[in-house]
Amino acid sequence: MNVTKPTLLLDETKTRANIQRMMYKAVNSEVNMRPHFKTHQSADVGEWFKQAGITSATVSSVDMGLYFAENGWDDITVAFSVNWREIDNINRLAGMCELGLLVESLESVAFLAENLTQPVNIWLDVDAGYHRTGFAWDNHDHALKLMQAIDKSDKMSVKGMLTHAGHSYEGRTDAEIIAVYDETVSRFISLRDCLAGEGYTGLVLSVGDTPCCSVVDDFTAIDEIRPGCYVFYDVMQSVIGSCSIDDVAIGVACPVVAKQPARNQIVLYGGGVHLSNYSIDDRKGQHIFGRVAKLTDDGWDILPDSTYVKGLSQEHGVLHADEDVLDTVNIGDVLVVLPIHACTTANILKRYHLFDGRVFDLAPIPR
């Protein structure tokens, strides 16, 4: 592979294995698999999901929904609060697929009732502990008012309740992550039971975060899972414990442009504008901006964790390197940085390079 500048690499074998492993869990628990496509944003990668038997998708924007609908996906949930200003494209998308929208406020229900021209499925956006969006899981009165308001519209049908347990990212042990999942499910069931007592039955329970979906094996208490980052995984997920570092399926190939042996440093052409500025404390307490690997003909070989990206500026990536690495890496070589957060890195670089020479472009977003 001829790498001249920071280049996003995609390992197809690892990606397909990640997809299949999660699909196996969903099938065993008899739950619907609705993966979040914000991580890969690629119709080509989307075909690998179809080949694994997956027929429904989650997206993070209306534009992304339009892109995947145009590429043959006909069951799409936009897992983002309804943006009133996009109502024209919401109606367009609803005419192309079975569309799911999130609501948490009576104001948004009223707006949709007035402005929808196509039927949509509605998910109640529930805050089960993450405190980003959604109404509080124990605000039963508000949930009931939402259901009653939605019932009055001939364009909206309630599908179920949806949440993102993003606080699972704070876990560092299986027990901590499973505790988040168990609490989320318990709170969901409490709300569902309350609504059932008011005559609203059959509500689907949908959860989605890569740590919980990776660590938990039994999803029989719910109906649907929506993990996203698992398709590629990343360094953050390996630190959390969602995966092994060997499961990470994307990396950024970066030319080596300088060495400072006295400081145990290697400098790469590959900075924050390529990798993002996400960082994390690894399990050794090192503050890192990425793990490092050596490029091979069909992938990469991960270096010991004593070599890592210790700092980023706009175009520069500075590695702390042990002596063995310093002795074997030369200016002009190419190293691979495994990103802290795969979703952001993929979104920045916009083009996957596979080891067989194929190139996959990400969705042309924003439009």
Protein backbone atom coordinates (compact mmCIF):
# COMPACT_ATOMS: atom_id res chain seq x y z
CA MET A 1 0.00 0.00 0.00
CA ASN A 2 1.43 3.34 -1.08
CA VAL A 3 0.85 5.67 1.86
CA THR A 4 1.86 9.30 1.31
CA LYS A 5 -0.29 11.00 3.95
CA PRO A 6 -2.62 9.98 6.81
CA THR A 7 -4.78 7.22 5.34
CA LEU A 8 -7.72 5.42 6.94
CA LEU A 9 -7.29 1.63 6.74
CA LEU A 10 -10.10 -0.89 7.11
CA ASP A 11 -9.61 -4.56 7.98
CA GLU A 12 -12.54 -6.39 6.40
CA THR A 13 -11.92 -9.68 8.21
CA LYS A 14 -12.04 -8.06 11.65
CA THR A 15 -15.05 -5.95 10.75
CA ARG A 16 -17.08 -8.90 9.52
CA ALA A 17 -16.10 -10.88 12.63
CA ASN A 18 -17.30 -8.02 14.87
CA ILE A 19 -20.61 -7.82 13.01
CA GLN A 20 -21.16 -11.56 13.17
CA ARG A 21 -20.26 -11.87 16.85
CA MET A 22 -22.87 -9.29 17.86
CA MET A 23 -25.46 -10.74 15.50
CA TYR A 24 -24.94 -14.13 17.13
CA LYS A 25 -25.81 -12.59 20.51
CA ALA A 26 -28.97 -10.99 19.13
CA VAL A 27 -30.13 -14.20 17.49
CA ASN A 28 -29.50 -16.22 20.65
CA SER A 29 -31.59 -13.78 22.69
CA GLU A 30 -34.23 -13.47 19.94
CA VAL A 31 -34.00 -9.68 19.86
CA ASN A 32 -33.97 -7.36 16.87
CA MET A 33 -30.57 -6.08 15.79
CA ARG A 34 -30.68 -2.43 14.71
CA PRO A 35 -27.01 -1.36 14.57
CA HIS A 36 -26.09 2.29 14.68
CA PHE A 37 -24.52 3.29 11.36
CA LYS A 38 -23.02 6.57 12.59
CA THR A 39 -19.74 4.74 13.16
CA HIS A 40 -19.08 3.47 9.64
CA GLN A 41 -21.38 5.74 7.55
CA SER A 42 -20.75 3.59 4.48
CA ALA A 43 -23.18 1.89 2.11
CA ASP A 44 -20.42 -0.60 1.24
CA VAL A 45 -19.91 -1.59 4.87
CA GLY A 46 -23.70 -1.63 5.19
CA GLU A 47 -23.77 -4.49 2.68
CA TRP A 48 -21.75 -6.60 5.12
CA PHE A 49 -24.54 -6.11 7.68
CA LYS A 50 -27.12 -7.23 5.14
CA GLN A 51 -25.07 -10.31 4.39
CA ALA A 52 -25.12 -11.09 8.13
CA GLY A 53 -28.93 -11.00 8.09
CA ILE A 54 -29.48 -7.48 9.45
CA THR A 55 -32.38 -5.56 7.92
CA SER A 56 -32.88 -2.49 10.14
CA ALA A 57 -30.58 0.42 10.96
CA THR A 58 -30.08 3.31 13.33
CA VAL A 59 -28.68 6.65 12.15
CA SER A 60 -27.80 9.88 13.91
CA SER A 61 -29.18 12.39 11.42
CA VAL A 62 -31.86 12.82 8.81
CA ASP A 63 -29.21 13.27 6.12
CA MET A 64 -27.63 9.96 7.09
CA GLY A 65 -31.06 8.36 6.96
CA LEU A 66 -31.59 9.65 3.43
CA TYR A 67 -28.21 8.27 2.37
CA PHE A 68 -28.96 4.77 3.66
CA ALA A 69 -32.54 4.83 2.36
CA GLU A 70 -31.16 5.67 -1.08
CA ASN A 71 -28.90 2.64 -0.68
CA GLY A 72 -31.65 0.13 -0.02
CA TRP A 73 -32.34 0.34 3.73
CA ASP A 74 -36.09 0.45 4.35
CA ASP A 75 -36.32 0.33 8.17
CA ILE A 76 -34.46 3.24 9.74
CA THR A 77 -34.60 4.94 13.14
CA VAL A 78 -33.11 8.41 13.56
CA ALA A 79 -31.76 8.19 17.11
CA PHE A 80 -31.55 11.92 17.64
CA SER A 81 -34.05 14.43 18.98
CA VAL A 82 -36.38 15.65 16.23
CA ASN A 83 -35.02 18.81 14.63
CA TRP A 84 -38.09 20.81 13.64
CA ARG A 85 -36.16 22.72 10.99
CA GLU A 86 -35.65 19.52 8.98
CA ILE A 87 -39.32 18.67 8.67
CA ASP A 88 -39.25 18.71 4.85
CA ASN A 89 -36.49 16.10 4.75
CA ILE A 90 -38.14 14.16 7.58
CA ASN A 91 -41.25 13.86 5.42
CA ARG A 92 -39.13 12.95 2.41
CA LEU A 93 -37.36 10.22 4.38
CA ALA A 94 -40.65 8.91 5.78
CA GLY A 95 -41.82 8.45 2.21
CA MET A 96 -38.77 6.29 1.43
CA CYS A 97 -38.71 3.88 4.36
CA GLU A 98 -40.34 2.80 7.58
CA LEU A 99 -39.07 5.68 9.69
CA GLY A 100 -38.67 5.87 13.45
CA LEU A 101 -38.37 9.21 15.24
CA LEU A 102 -37.52 10.07 18.86
CA VAL A 103 -39.66 12.37 20.97
CA GLU A 104 -39.35 13.45 24.57
CA SER A 105 -41.50 16.60 24.67
CA LEU A 106 -45.14 17.44 24.15
CA GLU A 107 -43.99 20.36 22.02
CA SER A 108 -42.32 18.05 19.49
CA VAL A 109 -45.36 15.76 19.41
CA ALA A 110 -47.57 18.76 18.64
CA PHE A 111 -45.19 19.97 15.94
CA LEU A 112 -45.07 16.57 14.25
CA ALA A 113 -48.84 16.20 14.45
CA GLU A 114 -49.20 19.50 12.63
CA ASN A 115 -46.45 19.04 10.03
CA LEU A 116 -46.02 15.35 9.17
CA THR A 117 -47.27 14.37 5.74
CA GLN A 118 -46.18 10.73 6.00
CA PRO A 119 -46.78 8.12 8.74
CA VAL A 120 -43.90 7.48 11.15
CA ASN A 121 -43.10 5.27 14.11
CA ILE A 122 -42.45 7.10 17.36
CA TRP A 123 -39.98 6.07 20.04
CA LEU A 124 -40.26 7.63 23.48
CA ASP A 125 -36.79 8.98 24.26
CA VAL A 126 -36.19 7.90 27.87
CA ASP A 127 -33.38 9.00 30.17
CA ALA A 128 -32.51 5.89 32.16
CA GLY A 129 -29.39 7.37 33.76
CA TYR A 130 -27.14 8.98 31.14
CA HIS A 131 -28.72 12.45 31.47
CA ARG A 132 -28.18 13.62 27.89
CA THR A 133 -31.63 13.64 26.30
CA GLY A 134 -34.95 12.03 27.09
CA PHE A 135 -37.48 12.42 29.88
CA ALA A 136 -36.76 10.80 33.24
CA TRP A 137 -37.67 7.12 33.36
CA ASP A 138 -39.70 7.62 36.53
CA ASN A 139 -41.73 10.55 35.17
CA HIS A 140 -44.72 8.31 34.50
CA ASP A 141 -47.14 11.21 34.24
CA HIS A 142 -45.16 12.78 31.39
CA ALA A 143 -44.91 9.44 29.57
CA LEU A 144 -48.67 9.02 29.77
CA LYS A 145 -49.28 12.53 28.44
CA LEU A 146 -46.96 11.81 25.50
CA MET A 147 -48.81 8.59 24.69
CA GLN A 148 -52.19 10.35 24.83
CA ALA A 149 -50.98 13.18 22.59
CA ILE A 150 -49.48 10.79 20.04
CA ASP A 151 -52.72 8.81 19.97
CA LYS A 152 -54.54 11.86 18.61
CA SER A 153 -52.45 11.93 15.42
CA ASP A 154 -53.15 9.73 12.41
CA LYS A 155 -49.52 10.12 11.28
CA MET A 156 -47.81 8.78 14.43
CA SER A 157 -47.75 5.31 15.96
CA VAL A 158 -45.81 4.55 19.12
CA LYS A 159 -43.26 1.79 18.49
CA GLY A 160 -41.75 1.68 21.95
CA MET A 161 -39.18 3.20 24.28
CA LEU A 162 -35.56 3.86 23.45
CA THR A 163 -32.50 4.86 25.45
CA HIS A 164 -28.75 5.18 25.15
CA ALA A 165 -26.92 4.14 28.32
CA GLY A 166 -23.84 6.21 27.52
CA HIS A 167 -22.71 6.15 31.15
CA SER A 168 -21.57 2.56 30.51
CA TYR A 169 -18.46 4.17 28.99
CA GLU A 170 -17.38 5.04 32.52
CA GLY A 171 -17.08 1.35 33.41
CA ARG A 172 -13.79 -0.49 33.50
CA THR A 173 -14.95 -3.94 34.60
CA ASP A 174 -17.59 -6.32 33.29
CA ALA A 175 -19.42 -6.02 36.60
CA GLU A 176 -19.65 -2.22 36.33
CA ILE A 177 -20.95 -2.38 32.77
CA ILE A 178 -23.45 -5.14 33.53
CA ALA A 179 -24.72 -3.07 36.48
CA VAL A 180 -25.50 -0.19 34.09
CA TYR A 181 -27.34 -2.56 31.77
CA ASP A 182 -29.33 -4.17 34.58
CA GLU A 183 -30.33 -0.80 36.01
CA THR A 184 -31.36 0.46 32.56
CA VAL A 185 -33.52 -2.60 31.89
CA SER A 186 -35.11 -2.46 35.34
CA ARG A 187 -36.06 1.19 34.82
CA PHE A 188 -37.42 0.48 31.35
CA ILE A 189 -39.57 -2.36 32.60
CA SER A 190 -40.92 -0.16 35.39
CA LEU A 191 -42.02 2.47 32.89
CA ARG A 192 -43.43 -0.10 30.47
CA ASP A 193 -45.46 -1.71 33.27
CA CYS A 194 -46.83 1.66 34.28
CA LEU A 195 -47.99 2.42 30.74
CA ALA A 196 -49.40 -1.09 30.37
CA GLY A 197 -51.55 -0.37 33.41
CA GLU A 198 -53.00 2.55 31.47
CA GLY A 199 -53.80 0.35 28.49
CA TYR A 200 -50.67 0.95 26.42
CA THR A 201 -49.30 -2.54 25.83
CA GLY A 202 -46.80 -4.14 23.46
CA LEU A 203 -44.17 -1.39 23.67
CA VAL A 204 -40.78 -2.41 22.28
CA LEU A 205 -37.76 -1.81 24.55
CA SER A 206 -34.66 -0.69 22.62
CA VAL A 207 -31.22 -0.15 24.17
CA GLY A 208 -27.96 0.61 22.48
CA ASP A 209 -24.40 1.12 23.59
CA THR A 210 -21.36 -0.88 22.62
CA PRO A 211 -20.00 -1.60 26.13
CA CYS A 212 -23.26 -3.14 27.40
CA CYS A 213 -23.97 -4.98 24.17
CA SER A 214 -20.41 -6.36 24.11
CA VAL A 215 -20.25 -7.51 27.72
CA VAL A 216 -23.83 -8.70 28.31
CA ASP A 217 -24.84 -12.01 26.72
CA ASP A 218 -28.51 -12.34 27.62
CA PHE A 219 -30.87 -9.70 26.17
CA THR A 220 -34.10 -11.60 26.62
CA ALA A 221 -35.55 -8.94 28.96
CA ILE A 222 -35.64 -6.41 26.09
CA ASP A 223 -36.59 -6.42 22.41
CA GLU A 224 -33.88 -4.62 20.43
CA ILE A 225 -30.21 -3.65 20.62
CA ARG A 226 -28.52 -0.78 18.77
CA PRO A 227 -24.73 -0.86 19.26
CA GLY A 228 -22.64 1.09 16.76
CA CYS A 229 -18.95 1.34 17.57
CA TYR A 230 -18.64 -2.44 17.82
CA VAL A 231 -18.38 -2.68 14.03
CA PHE A 232 -14.80 -1.35 14.26
CA TYR A 233 -14.20 -1.05 18.00
CA ASP A 234 -11.36 1.28 19.04
CA VAL A 235 -8.81 1.92 21.78
CA MET A 236 -11.44 3.37 24.12
CA GLN A 237 -13.51 0.20 23.85
CA SER A 238 -10.43 -1.94 24.55
CA VAL A 239 -9.71 0.09 27.70
CA ILE A 240 -13.34 -0.17 28.81
CA GLY A 241 -13.18 -3.91 28.29
CA SER A 242 -15.68 -4.19 25.43
CA CYS A 243 -13.12 -5.87 23.19
CA SER A 244 -9.52 -6.90 22.74
CA ILE A 245 -7.13 -4.49 21.05
CA ASP A 246 -6.87 -7.17 18.36
CA ASP A 247 -10.55 -6.63 17.51
CA VAL A 248 -9.98 -3.01 16.42
CA ALA A 249 -10.68 -2.97 12.69
CA ILE A 250 -9.58 0.51 11.57
CA GLY A 251 -6.30 2.34 11.84
CA VAL A 252 -4.72 5.44 10.38
CA ALA A 253 -1.51 4.86 8.41
CA CYS A 254 0.84 7.77 9.15
CA PRO A 255 4.27 8.53 7.65
CA VAL A 256 7.16 8.91 10.08
CA VAL A 257 8.66 12.39 9.61
CA ALA A 258 11.08 12.78 12.53
CA LYS A 259 12.79 11.00 15.44
CA GLN A 260 14.20 12.35 18.69
CA PRO A 261 15.88 9.36 20.38
CA ALA A 262 17.04 11.47 23.34
CA ARG A 263 13.39 12.09 24.18
CA ASN A 264 12.16 8.62 23.15
CA GLN A 265 10.00 10.31 20.54
CA ILE A 266 8.85 9.57 17.03
CA VAL A 267 6.89 12.20 15.11
CA LEU A 268 4.18 11.25 12.63
CA TYR A 269 2.35 13.10 9.90
CA GLY A 270 -0.99 12.52 11.55
CA GLY A 271 -2.47 14.93 14.08
CA GLY A 272 -5.73 16.06 15.56
CA VAL A 273 -7.20 16.93 12.17
CA HIS A 274 -6.82 13.29 11.17
CA LEU A 275 -7.28 11.32 14.38
CA SER A 276 -9.46 13.69 16.45
CA ASN A 277 -8.24 14.89 19.84
CA TYR A 278 -9.89 12.16 21.89
CA SER A 279 -7.66 10.70 24.58
CA ILE A 280 -7.97 8.25 27.43
CA ASP A 281 -6.00 6.93 30.39
CA ASP A 282 -5.10 3.35 29.59
CA ARG A 283 -4.99 0.54 32.12
CA LYS A 284 -1.37 1.38 32.97
CA GLY A 285 -2.34 4.98 33.76
CA GLN A 286 -0.72 6.35 30.61
CA HIS A 287 -2.58 9.25 29.00
CA ILE A 288 -2.78 8.24 25.35
CA PHE A 289 -4.19 9.55 22.07
CA GLY A 290 -3.89 6.22 20.26
CA ARG A 291 -2.16 2.83 20.17
CA VAL A 292 0.54 2.17 17.60
CA ALA A 293 1.14 -0.69 15.16
CA LYS A 294 3.46 -1.58 12.30
CA LEU A 295 1.94 -1.78 8.83
CA THR A 296 1.99 -5.17 7.10
CA ASP A 297 0.84 -6.28 3.65
CA ASP A 298 -2.57 -7.37 4.91
CA GLY A 299 -3.04 -5.48 8.17
CA TRP A 300 -0.91 -4.38 11.10
CA ASP A 301 1.06 -5.78 14.01
CA ILE A 302 0.31 -3.98 17.26
CA LEU A 303 3.33 -2.72 19.17
CA PRO A 304 3.66 -3.09 22.95
CA ASP A 305 1.67 -0.52 24.89
CA SER A 306 4.90 1.14 26.02
CA THR A 307 4.81 2.79 22.58
CA TYR A 308 1.78 5.07 22.23
CA VAL A 309 0.63 8.43 20.90
CA LYS A 310 1.37 10.84 23.74
CA GLY A 311 0.33 14.09 22.10
CA LEU A 312 -1.34 15.62 19.06
CA SER A 313 -1.27 19.02 17.44
CA GLN A 314 -2.99 19.95 14.21
CA GLU A 315 -0.82 17.88 11.83
CA HIS A 316 1.70 16.26 14.20
CA GLY A 317 1.38 13.07 16.19
CA VAL A 318 4.07 12.57 18.83
CA LEU A 319 4.78 9.03 19.99
CA HIS A 320 6.49 7.86 23.10
CA ALA A 321 8.54 4.92 21.82
CA ASP A 322 10.61 2.35 23.65
CA GLU A 323 14.18 1.71 22.50
CA ASP A 324 13.36 -1.37 20.42
CA VAL A 325 10.88 0.63 18.39
CA LEU A 326 13.22 3.59 18.03
CA ASP A 327 15.92 1.25 16.70
CA THR A 328 13.67 -0.39 14.10
CA VAL A 329 11.57 2.56 12.85
CA ASN A 330 13.12 4.99 10.40
CA ILE A 331 12.11 8.33 8.96
CA GLY A 332 10.07 7.57 5.87
CA ASP A 333 8.48 4.44 7.34
CA VAL A 334 4.74 4.14 7.96
CA LEU A 335 3.16 3.39 11.32
CA VAL A 336 -0.51 2.76 12.04
CA VAL A 337 -2.38 4.57 14.79
CA LEU A 338 -5.40 2.78 16.24
CA PRO A 339 -7.84 5.58 17.14
CA ILE A 340 -9.26 6.31 20.56
CA HIS A 341 -12.74 6.88 19.10
CA ALA A 342 -13.43 5.16 15.78
CA CYS A 343 -16.62 7.09 14.96
CA THR A 344 -14.91 10.48 14.97
CA THR A 345 -11.77 9.35 13.15
CA ALA A 346 -13.79 7.72 10.36
CA ASN A 347 -15.96 10.83 10.05
CA ILE A 348 -12.88 13.02 9.70
CA LEU A 349 -11.04 11.03 7.04
CA LYS A 350 -14.12 10.02 5.02
CA ARG A 351 -12.52 7.22 2.98
CA TYR A 352 -11.63 3.63 3.86
CA HIS A 353 -8.71 1.90 2.14
CA LEU A 354 -8.96 -1.89 2.17
CA PHE A 355 -5.94 -4.14 1.82
CA ASP A 356 -7.13 -5.61 -1.47
CA GLY A 357 -7.08 -2.18 -3.09
CA ARG A 358 -10.77 -1.28 -2.79
CA VAL A 359 -11.76 2.14 -1.53
CA PHE A 360 -15.05 2.84 0.29
CA ASP A 361 -16.27 6.40 0.67
CA LEU A 362 -18.34 7.52 3.62
CA ALA A 363 -21.73 9.13 3.17
CA PRO A 364 -21.55 12.60 1.59
CA ILE A 365 -22.71 14.38 4.74
CA PRO A 366 -23.47 17.22 5.26
CA ARG A 367 -25.43 17.70 2.06
